[in-house]
N, C-alpha and C. Protein backbone atom coordinates (compact mmCIF):
# COMPACT_ATOMS: atom_id res chain seq x y z
N MET A 1 90.56 149.66 125.11
CA MET A 1 89.82 148.50 124.70
C MET A 1 88.50 148.94 124.07
N ALA A 2 88.16 148.29 123.00
CA ALA A 2 86.95 148.65 122.28
C ALA A 2 85.73 148.04 122.94
N LYS A 3 84.61 148.67 122.75
CA LYS A 3 83.34 148.15 123.25
C LYS A 3 82.87 147.05 122.32
N PHE A 4 81.99 146.19 122.84
CA PHE A 4 81.46 145.10 122.05
C PHE A 4 80.82 145.64 120.77
N GLY A 5 81.20 145.05 119.64
CA GLY A 5 80.65 145.48 118.36
C GLY A 5 81.50 146.53 117.68
N GLU A 6 82.34 147.19 118.42
CA GLU A 6 83.25 148.16 117.83
C GLU A 6 84.61 147.48 117.72
N GLY A 7 85.34 147.84 116.75
CA GLY A 7 86.67 147.28 116.64
C GLY A 7 87.18 147.31 115.22
N ASP A 8 88.40 147.04 115.11
CA ASP A 8 89.09 147.05 113.82
C ASP A 8 89.02 145.65 113.22
N PRO A 9 88.66 145.50 111.95
CA PRO A 9 88.59 144.17 111.33
C PRO A 9 89.94 143.45 111.35
N ARG A 10 91.04 144.18 111.49
CA ARG A 10 92.35 143.53 111.55
C ARG A 10 92.52 142.71 112.82
N TRP A 11 91.69 142.96 113.83
CA TRP A 11 91.78 142.22 115.07
C TRP A 11 91.15 140.83 114.96
N ILE A 12 90.32 140.64 113.96
CA ILE A 12 89.62 139.38 113.79
C ILE A 12 90.54 138.40 113.05
N VAL A 13 90.74 137.23 113.64
CA VAL A 13 91.58 136.21 113.04
C VAL A 13 90.72 135.38 112.09
N THR A 14 91.15 135.29 110.84
CA THR A 14 90.40 134.52 109.84
C THR A 14 91.28 133.42 109.28
N GLU A 15 90.64 132.44 108.67
CA GLU A 15 91.37 131.37 108.02
C GLU A 15 92.10 131.93 106.81
N ARG A 16 93.30 131.38 106.56
CA ARG A 16 94.07 131.82 105.40
C ARG A 16 93.90 130.83 104.26
N GLN A 17 93.87 131.32 103.04
CA GLN A 17 93.68 130.47 101.87
C GLN A 17 94.88 129.54 101.64
N ASP A 18 96.08 129.97 102.02
CA ASP A 18 97.26 129.15 101.78
C ASP A 18 97.46 128.06 102.83
N GLY A 19 96.56 127.99 103.82
CA GLY A 19 96.62 126.94 104.83
C GLY A 19 97.62 127.17 105.93
N THR A 20 98.27 128.33 105.94
CA THR A 20 99.24 128.63 106.98
C THR A 20 98.56 128.71 108.34
N ASN A 21 99.20 128.14 109.33
CA ASN A 21 98.65 128.16 110.68
C ASN A 21 98.91 129.54 111.28
N ILE A 22 97.87 130.34 111.42
CA ILE A 22 98.03 131.69 111.96
C ILE A 22 98.30 131.67 113.45
N ASN A 23 98.04 130.54 114.07
CA ASN A 23 98.30 130.41 115.51
C ASN A 23 99.60 129.65 115.76
N GLY A 24 100.49 129.64 114.80
CA GLY A 24 101.70 128.83 114.88
C GLY A 24 102.84 129.47 115.64
N TRP A 25 102.55 130.23 116.64
CA TRP A 25 103.61 130.87 117.40
C TRP A 25 104.48 129.84 118.11
N HIS A 26 103.87 128.74 118.53
CA HIS A 26 104.61 127.75 119.29
C HIS A 26 104.71 126.39 118.60
N TRP A 27 103.88 126.14 117.63
CA TRP A 27 103.81 124.81 117.03
C TRP A 27 103.47 124.92 115.56
N GLU A 28 104.21 124.21 114.75
CA GLU A 28 103.92 124.19 113.31
C GLU A 28 104.03 122.75 112.83
N GLU A 29 103.11 122.35 111.97
CA GLU A 29 103.12 121.00 111.43
C GLU A 29 103.02 121.06 109.92
N ARG A 30 103.91 120.31 109.24
CA ARG A 30 103.91 120.27 107.78
C ARG A 30 103.61 118.85 107.30
N ASN A 31 102.73 118.73 106.32
CA ASN A 31 102.40 117.44 105.71
C ASN A 31 103.58 117.00 104.85
N MET A 32 104.07 115.79 105.07
CA MET A 32 105.23 115.28 104.35
C MET A 32 104.91 114.01 103.55
N MET A 33 103.63 113.77 103.25
CA MET A 33 103.26 112.54 102.55
C MET A 33 103.89 112.44 101.17
N LYS A 34 103.85 113.51 100.40
CA LYS A 34 104.44 113.47 99.06
C LYS A 34 105.94 113.19 99.16
N TRP A 35 106.61 113.92 100.05
CA TRP A 35 108.05 113.72 100.24
C TRP A 35 108.34 112.29 100.68
N ALA A 36 107.53 111.77 101.62
CA ALA A 36 107.75 110.42 102.16
C ALA A 36 107.64 109.37 101.07
N LYS A 37 106.63 109.47 100.22
CA LYS A 37 106.45 108.50 99.14
C LYS A 37 107.63 108.55 98.18
N GLU A 38 108.01 109.76 97.77
CA GLU A 38 109.13 109.91 96.84
C GLU A 38 110.43 109.41 97.45
N LYS A 39 110.68 109.71 98.72
CA LYS A 39 111.91 109.29 99.38
C LYS A 39 111.98 107.78 99.53
N LEU A 40 110.87 107.16 99.94
CA LEU A 40 110.87 105.70 100.08
C LEU A 40 111.06 105.02 98.73
N GLU A 41 110.44 105.56 97.68
CA GLU A 41 110.66 104.98 96.34
C GLU A 41 112.12 105.11 95.94
N THR A 42 112.72 106.27 96.18
CA THR A 42 114.12 106.48 95.83
C THR A 42 115.03 105.53 96.61
N LEU A 43 114.77 105.37 97.89
CA LEU A 43 115.61 104.53 98.73
C LEU A 43 115.44 103.04 98.44
N LEU A 44 114.21 102.61 98.16
CA LEU A 44 113.93 101.18 98.12
C LEU A 44 113.95 100.57 96.73
N ILE A 45 113.41 101.26 95.72
CA ILE A 45 113.34 100.66 94.39
C ILE A 45 114.75 100.47 93.83
N GLY A 46 115.01 99.27 93.38
CA GLY A 46 116.33 98.92 92.88
C GLY A 46 117.22 98.29 93.93
N SER A 47 116.78 98.27 95.18
CA SER A 47 117.58 97.68 96.25
C SER A 47 117.55 96.16 96.15
N ASP A 48 118.71 95.56 96.33
CA ASP A 48 118.79 94.11 96.41
C ASP A 48 118.46 93.68 97.82
N LEU A 49 117.64 92.67 97.94
CA LEU A 49 117.37 92.09 99.25
C LEU A 49 118.51 91.12 99.55
N ALA A 50 118.84 90.96 100.77
CA ALA A 50 120.01 90.15 101.15
C ALA A 50 119.71 88.67 100.94
N VAL A 51 119.89 88.23 99.71
CA VAL A 51 119.71 86.83 99.35
C VAL A 51 121.08 86.33 98.91
N PRO A 52 121.54 85.18 99.40
CA PRO A 52 122.87 84.70 99.00
C PRO A 52 123.03 84.65 97.49
N VAL A 53 124.14 85.17 97.00
CA VAL A 53 124.38 85.32 95.57
C VAL A 53 124.33 83.98 94.83
N ALA A 54 124.82 82.92 95.45
CA ALA A 54 124.83 81.62 94.79
C ALA A 54 123.43 81.14 94.43
N GLU A 55 122.44 81.61 95.17
CA GLU A 55 121.07 81.18 94.91
C GLU A 55 120.30 82.16 94.05
N GLY A 56 120.86 83.30 93.76
CA GLY A 56 120.19 84.26 92.91
C GLY A 56 120.09 85.63 93.54
N ARG A 57 119.28 86.46 92.92
CA ARG A 57 119.10 87.84 93.37
C ARG A 57 117.63 88.16 93.49
N ALA A 58 117.29 88.94 94.52
CA ALA A 58 115.93 89.45 94.68
C ALA A 58 116.04 90.96 94.77
N THR A 59 115.28 91.66 93.92
CA THR A 59 115.37 93.11 93.83
C THR A 59 113.98 93.73 93.96
N ILE A 60 113.90 94.83 94.69
CA ILE A 60 112.64 95.58 94.79
C ILE A 60 112.48 96.38 93.50
N VAL A 61 111.33 96.22 92.84
CA VAL A 61 111.13 96.87 91.54
C VAL A 61 110.06 97.96 91.54
N GLU A 62 109.17 97.97 92.54
CA GLU A 62 108.07 98.94 92.49
C GLU A 62 107.39 99.05 93.85
N MET A 63 106.88 100.25 94.13
CA MET A 63 106.00 100.44 95.29
C MET A 63 104.59 100.51 94.72
N THR A 64 103.74 99.55 95.09
CA THR A 64 102.42 99.47 94.48
C THR A 64 101.32 100.09 95.32
N LYS A 65 101.57 100.28 96.61
CA LYS A 65 100.55 100.84 97.49
C LYS A 65 101.27 101.68 98.54
N PHE A 66 100.68 102.84 98.87
CA PHE A 66 101.29 103.72 99.88
C PHE A 66 100.17 104.49 100.55
N GLU A 67 100.04 104.34 101.86
CA GLU A 67 98.99 105.08 102.58
C GLU A 67 99.43 105.34 104.02
N GLY A 68 98.76 106.29 104.64
CA GLY A 68 99.06 106.64 106.02
C GLY A 68 99.24 108.13 106.19
N ASP A 69 100.05 108.51 107.16
CA ASP A 69 100.31 109.91 107.47
C ASP A 69 101.80 110.10 107.72
N ALA A 70 102.31 111.25 107.29
CA ALA A 70 103.69 111.64 107.59
C ALA A 70 103.73 113.15 107.72
N SER A 71 104.37 113.63 108.77
CA SER A 71 104.46 115.07 108.99
C SER A 71 105.71 115.38 109.79
N VAL A 72 106.10 116.64 109.72
CA VAL A 72 107.19 117.15 110.56
C VAL A 72 106.60 118.29 111.38
N SER A 73 106.76 118.21 112.68
CA SER A 73 106.27 119.24 113.58
C SER A 73 107.45 119.97 114.18
N THR A 74 107.32 121.29 114.26
CA THR A 74 108.37 122.12 114.85
C THR A 74 107.81 122.79 116.09
N ARG A 75 108.49 122.65 117.18
CA ARG A 75 108.06 123.22 118.45
C ARG A 75 108.84 124.49 118.73
N LYS A 76 108.15 125.60 118.87
CA LYS A 76 108.73 126.91 119.18
C LYS A 76 109.88 127.26 118.25
N GLY A 77 109.72 126.95 116.98
CA GLY A 77 110.71 127.31 115.97
C GLY A 77 112.03 126.58 116.09
N GLY A 78 112.13 125.57 116.91
CA GLY A 78 113.40 124.90 117.13
C GLY A 78 113.37 123.41 116.88
N LYS A 79 113.04 122.66 117.91
CA LYS A 79 113.11 121.21 117.84
C LYS A 79 112.08 120.65 116.86
N LYS A 80 112.56 119.70 116.03
CA LYS A 80 111.69 119.08 115.03
C LYS A 80 111.37 117.64 115.44
N PHE A 81 110.14 117.24 115.13
CA PHE A 81 109.67 115.89 115.40
C PHE A 81 109.13 115.32 114.09
N GLY A 82 109.73 114.23 113.62
CA GLY A 82 109.21 113.54 112.45
C GLY A 82 108.20 112.50 112.91
N CYS A 83 106.98 112.61 112.45
CA CYS A 83 105.91 111.68 112.85
C CYS A 83 105.37 110.99 111.60
N PHE A 84 105.24 109.68 111.66
CA PHE A 84 104.68 108.96 110.52
C PHE A 84 104.02 107.68 111.00
N ASP A 85 103.04 107.27 110.26
CA ASP A 85 102.35 106.00 110.46
C ASP A 85 101.97 105.54 109.06
N LEU A 86 102.80 104.70 108.48
CA LEU A 86 102.67 104.34 107.07
C LEU A 86 102.49 102.85 106.89
N SER A 87 101.85 102.50 105.80
CA SER A 87 101.83 101.12 105.32
C SER A 87 102.00 101.19 103.81
N PHE A 88 102.80 100.26 103.30
CA PHE A 88 103.03 100.26 101.85
C PHE A 88 103.37 98.85 101.40
N THR A 89 103.26 98.65 100.10
CA THR A 89 103.53 97.35 99.51
C THR A 89 104.62 97.52 98.46
N LEU A 90 105.62 96.65 98.54
CA LEU A 90 106.73 96.65 97.59
C LEU A 90 106.65 95.39 96.74
N ARG A 91 106.82 95.56 95.44
CA ARG A 91 106.86 94.40 94.54
C ARG A 91 108.32 94.04 94.31
N TRP A 92 108.66 92.76 94.40
CA TRP A 92 110.03 92.33 94.18
C TRP A 92 110.07 91.22 93.14
N GLU A 93 111.20 91.09 92.50
CA GLU A 93 111.42 90.04 91.51
C GLU A 93 112.75 89.38 91.81
N ALA A 94 112.81 88.09 91.52
CA ALA A 94 114.04 87.34 91.78
C ALA A 94 114.24 86.30 90.69
N ARG A 95 115.47 85.91 90.52
CA ARG A 95 115.79 84.84 89.58
C ARG A 95 116.81 83.93 90.24
N ARG A 96 116.50 82.66 90.23
CA ARG A 96 117.44 81.67 90.77
C ARG A 96 118.48 81.37 89.71
N GLU A 97 119.71 81.40 90.12
CA GLU A 97 120.81 81.15 89.17
C GLU A 97 121.53 79.89 89.60
N THR A 98 121.01 78.76 89.14
CA THR A 98 121.62 77.49 89.53
C THR A 98 122.85 77.21 88.68
N ARG A 99 122.67 77.19 87.38
CA ARG A 99 123.79 77.04 86.45
C ARG A 99 123.50 77.92 85.25
N ALA A 100 124.53 78.41 84.61
CA ALA A 100 124.36 79.33 83.49
C ALA A 100 123.56 78.70 82.36
N ASP A 101 123.71 77.38 82.14
CA ASP A 101 123.00 76.73 81.04
C ASP A 101 121.63 76.20 81.46
N ASP A 102 121.24 76.42 82.70
CA ASP A 102 120.00 75.84 83.22
C ASP A 102 119.03 76.92 83.74
N LEU A 103 118.91 78.02 83.00
CA LEU A 103 117.97 79.07 83.40
C LEU A 103 116.68 78.93 82.60
N ASP A 104 115.58 78.93 83.27
CA ASP A 104 114.30 78.96 82.58
C ASP A 104 113.33 79.84 83.36
N ASP A 105 112.14 80.01 82.81
CA ASP A 105 111.17 80.90 83.44
C ASP A 105 110.71 80.42 84.81
N ASP A 106 110.84 79.11 85.08
CA ASP A 106 110.45 78.61 86.40
C ASP A 106 111.38 79.11 87.50
N ASP A 107 112.56 79.59 87.12
CA ASP A 107 113.51 80.12 88.11
C ASP A 107 113.24 81.58 88.43
N ALA A 108 112.33 82.22 87.69
CA ALA A 108 111.97 83.62 87.96
C ALA A 108 110.78 83.64 88.92
N VAL A 109 110.92 84.43 89.97
CA VAL A 109 109.88 84.52 91.00
C VAL A 109 109.53 85.99 91.21
N LYS A 110 108.25 86.25 91.39
CA LYS A 110 107.79 87.60 91.73
C LYS A 110 107.06 87.52 93.05
N GLY A 111 107.04 88.63 93.75
CA GLY A 111 106.35 88.63 95.03
C GLY A 111 106.16 90.03 95.56
N GLU A 112 105.61 90.10 96.76
CA GLU A 112 105.36 91.38 97.42
C GLU A 112 105.82 91.32 98.86
N ILE A 113 106.23 92.48 99.35
CA ILE A 113 106.50 92.66 100.77
C ILE A 113 105.51 93.72 101.24
N LYS A 114 104.64 93.34 102.14
CA LYS A 114 103.69 94.31 102.71
C LYS A 114 104.27 94.80 104.04
N VAL A 115 104.53 96.08 104.09
CA VAL A 115 105.02 96.71 105.31
C VAL A 115 103.79 97.31 105.96
N LYS A 116 103.30 96.66 107.01
CA LYS A 116 101.99 97.02 107.55
C LYS A 116 102.05 98.10 108.62
N GLU A 117 103.05 98.10 109.46
CA GLU A 117 103.12 99.07 110.55
C GLU A 117 104.49 99.70 110.62
N PHE A 118 104.72 100.67 109.76
CA PHE A 118 105.96 101.44 109.78
C PHE A 118 105.61 102.76 110.43
N CYS A 119 105.93 102.88 111.71
CA CYS A 119 105.43 103.98 112.52
C CYS A 119 106.55 104.59 113.35
N SER A 120 106.52 105.90 113.52
CA SER A 120 107.56 106.59 114.28
C SER A 120 107.55 106.23 115.76
N THR A 121 106.45 105.71 116.25
CA THR A 121 106.39 105.35 117.67
C THR A 121 106.79 103.90 117.93
N ASN A 122 107.02 103.12 116.87
CA ASN A 122 107.42 101.73 117.03
C ASN A 122 108.93 101.59 117.03
N ASP A 123 109.42 100.59 117.75
CA ASP A 123 110.82 100.21 117.64
C ASP A 123 110.98 99.38 116.37
N GLU A 124 112.22 99.25 115.91
CA GLU A 124 112.46 98.52 114.66
C GLU A 124 111.97 97.08 114.73
N ASP A 125 112.05 96.45 115.89
CA ASP A 125 111.60 95.06 115.98
C ASP A 125 110.08 94.92 115.99
N GLU A 126 109.37 96.04 116.01
CA GLU A 126 107.90 96.01 115.96
C GLU A 126 107.35 96.22 114.55
N TYR A 127 108.21 96.54 113.58
CA TYR A 127 107.74 96.69 112.20
C TYR A 127 107.19 95.35 111.73
N THR A 128 106.11 95.39 110.98
CA THR A 128 105.45 94.18 110.53
C THR A 128 105.63 94.02 109.03
N PHE A 129 106.19 92.88 108.61
CA PHE A 129 106.41 92.57 107.19
C PHE A 129 105.67 91.28 106.85
N GLU A 130 105.07 91.27 105.66
CA GLU A 130 104.43 90.04 105.17
C GLU A 130 104.95 89.80 103.76
N VAL A 131 105.54 88.63 103.53
CA VAL A 131 106.14 88.30 102.24
C VAL A 131 105.24 87.30 101.52
N THR A 132 104.92 87.60 100.26
CA THR A 132 104.15 86.67 99.43
C THR A 132 104.90 86.45 98.12
N THR A 133 104.61 85.33 97.46
CA THR A 133 105.24 85.02 96.18
C THR A 133 104.19 84.62 95.16
N LYS A 134 104.56 84.77 93.89
CA LYS A 134 103.73 84.27 92.79
C LYS A 134 104.65 84.01 91.61
N ASP A 135 104.16 83.30 90.65
CA ASP A 135 104.93 82.90 89.47
C ASP A 135 106.11 82.02 89.87
N GLY A 136 106.66 81.33 88.91
CA GLY A 136 107.82 80.48 89.16
C GLY A 136 107.44 79.11 89.70
N SER A 137 108.44 78.26 89.81
CA SER A 137 108.21 76.91 90.34
C SER A 137 107.98 76.98 91.85
N ALA A 138 107.34 75.95 92.36
CA ALA A 138 107.07 75.90 93.81
C ALA A 138 108.38 75.92 94.60
N GLU A 139 109.38 75.23 94.08
CA GLU A 139 110.68 75.19 94.76
C GLU A 139 111.33 76.58 94.80
N ALA A 140 111.32 77.27 93.67
CA ALA A 140 111.92 78.61 93.61
C ALA A 140 111.14 79.60 94.48
N LYS A 141 109.80 79.50 94.46
CA LYS A 141 108.98 80.40 95.28
C LYS A 141 109.28 80.20 96.76
N GLU A 142 109.34 78.96 97.20
CA GLU A 142 109.62 78.68 98.61
C GLU A 142 111.02 79.13 99.00
N LEU A 143 111.99 78.90 98.11
CA LEU A 143 113.37 79.30 98.38
C LEU A 143 113.47 80.81 98.58
N PHE A 144 112.93 81.58 97.64
CA PHE A 144 113.05 83.03 97.74
C PHE A 144 112.20 83.61 98.86
N LYS A 145 111.03 83.04 99.07
CA LYS A 145 110.20 83.54 100.18
C LYS A 145 110.95 83.38 101.50
N SER A 146 111.53 82.21 101.72
CA SER A 146 112.25 81.99 102.99
C SER A 146 113.49 82.88 103.08
N ARG A 147 114.18 83.10 101.96
CA ARG A 147 115.38 83.95 101.98
C ARG A 147 115.01 85.41 102.25
N VAL A 148 113.95 85.89 101.64
CA VAL A 148 113.52 87.28 101.86
C VAL A 148 113.04 87.46 103.30
N GLU A 149 112.27 86.51 103.81
CA GLU A 149 111.81 86.58 105.20
C GLU A 149 112.99 86.58 106.17
N THR A 150 113.98 85.73 105.90
CA THR A 150 115.18 85.68 106.75
C THR A 150 115.91 87.01 106.70
N SER A 151 116.02 87.59 105.52
CA SER A 151 116.68 88.90 105.38
C SER A 151 115.97 89.96 106.22
N LEU A 152 114.64 89.94 106.20
CA LEU A 152 113.88 90.93 106.97
C LEU A 152 114.04 90.69 108.48
N LYS A 153 114.05 89.43 108.89
CA LYS A 153 114.20 89.11 110.32
C LYS A 153 115.59 89.45 110.83
N GLU A 154 116.58 89.29 109.96
CA GLU A 154 117.97 89.57 110.36
C GLU A 154 118.32 91.05 110.22
N ARG A 155 117.32 91.86 109.94
CA ARG A 155 117.52 93.32 109.87
C ARG A 155 118.52 93.68 108.77
N GLY A 156 118.22 93.23 107.57
CA GLY A 156 119.09 93.46 106.42
C GLY A 156 118.96 94.85 105.82
N ILE A 157 119.16 94.91 104.52
CA ILE A 157 119.23 96.18 103.79
C ILE A 157 117.93 96.97 103.87
N LEU A 158 116.79 96.30 103.87
CA LEU A 158 115.51 97.00 103.91
C LEU A 158 115.39 97.82 105.20
N LEU A 159 115.76 97.23 106.31
CA LEU A 159 115.68 97.96 107.58
C LEU A 159 116.65 99.13 107.60
N ALA A 160 117.83 98.95 107.02
CA ALA A 160 118.80 100.06 106.96
C ALA A 160 118.22 101.22 106.15
N LYS A 161 117.52 100.92 105.06
CA LYS A 161 116.90 101.97 104.24
C LYS A 161 115.76 102.64 104.99
N LEU A 162 114.98 101.89 105.75
CA LEU A 162 113.90 102.48 106.54
C LEU A 162 114.46 103.37 107.65
N ARG A 163 115.57 102.96 108.24
CA ARG A 163 116.23 103.77 109.26
C ARG A 163 116.72 105.09 108.65
N GLN A 164 117.28 105.02 107.44
CA GLN A 164 117.74 106.22 106.74
C GLN A 164 116.56 107.16 106.46
N PHE A 165 115.42 106.60 106.07
CA PHE A 165 114.21 107.41 105.86
C PHE A 165 113.84 108.16 107.14
N CYS A 166 113.84 107.47 108.27
CA CYS A 166 113.49 108.11 109.56
C CYS A 166 114.42 109.28 109.85
N ASP A 167 115.72 109.08 109.66
CA ASP A 167 116.69 110.14 109.93
C ASP A 167 116.49 111.34 109.01
N GLU A 168 116.22 111.08 107.74
CA GLU A 168 116.05 112.18 106.78
C GLU A 168 114.73 112.92 107.00
N LEU A 169 113.69 112.22 107.44
CA LEU A 169 112.43 112.90 107.74
C LEU A 169 112.61 113.87 108.91
N LYS A 170 113.31 113.45 109.93
CA LYS A 170 113.54 114.32 111.09
C LYS A 170 114.36 115.55 110.73
N ALA A 171 115.19 115.44 109.68
CA ALA A 171 116.04 116.56 109.28
C ALA A 171 115.31 117.56 108.38
N GLN A 172 114.10 117.23 107.94
CA GLN A 172 113.37 118.11 107.02
C GLN A 172 112.95 119.40 107.66
């Protein structure tokens, strides 16, 4: 053992420029925010919301806001834990199809779904969704808002896509 002040500089642990955890013998954590945003966009954009076909279609067209944290932690080089706490906003568009000869701009509705608490520690029934509408007639806006809300409450396609995201994050 060396005396105080004597020693080899290789014994001194310093921060690494590449951000690698030099103390990661038992625990490693990787930031997955970029992957999470890209994966959610891939899974969700273009998805039809479960709206009865006779009344029209509602489709997710864009993710307008994305924030929070997402990471994958590995314990002792083996078991992986996907951890996330995200909130994001999806823009959707819909068109009511009453009759082929009776389509006008009032039948087109736009809106947003705010996913406020999408978190790895929450159960699926604890996810928080807020649906808003704009453009279109009052009747069409109310129709699509209620249909989209019902789809979310009945655990439709959006929840299936969020479940798929959770599974794929854990596999990273």
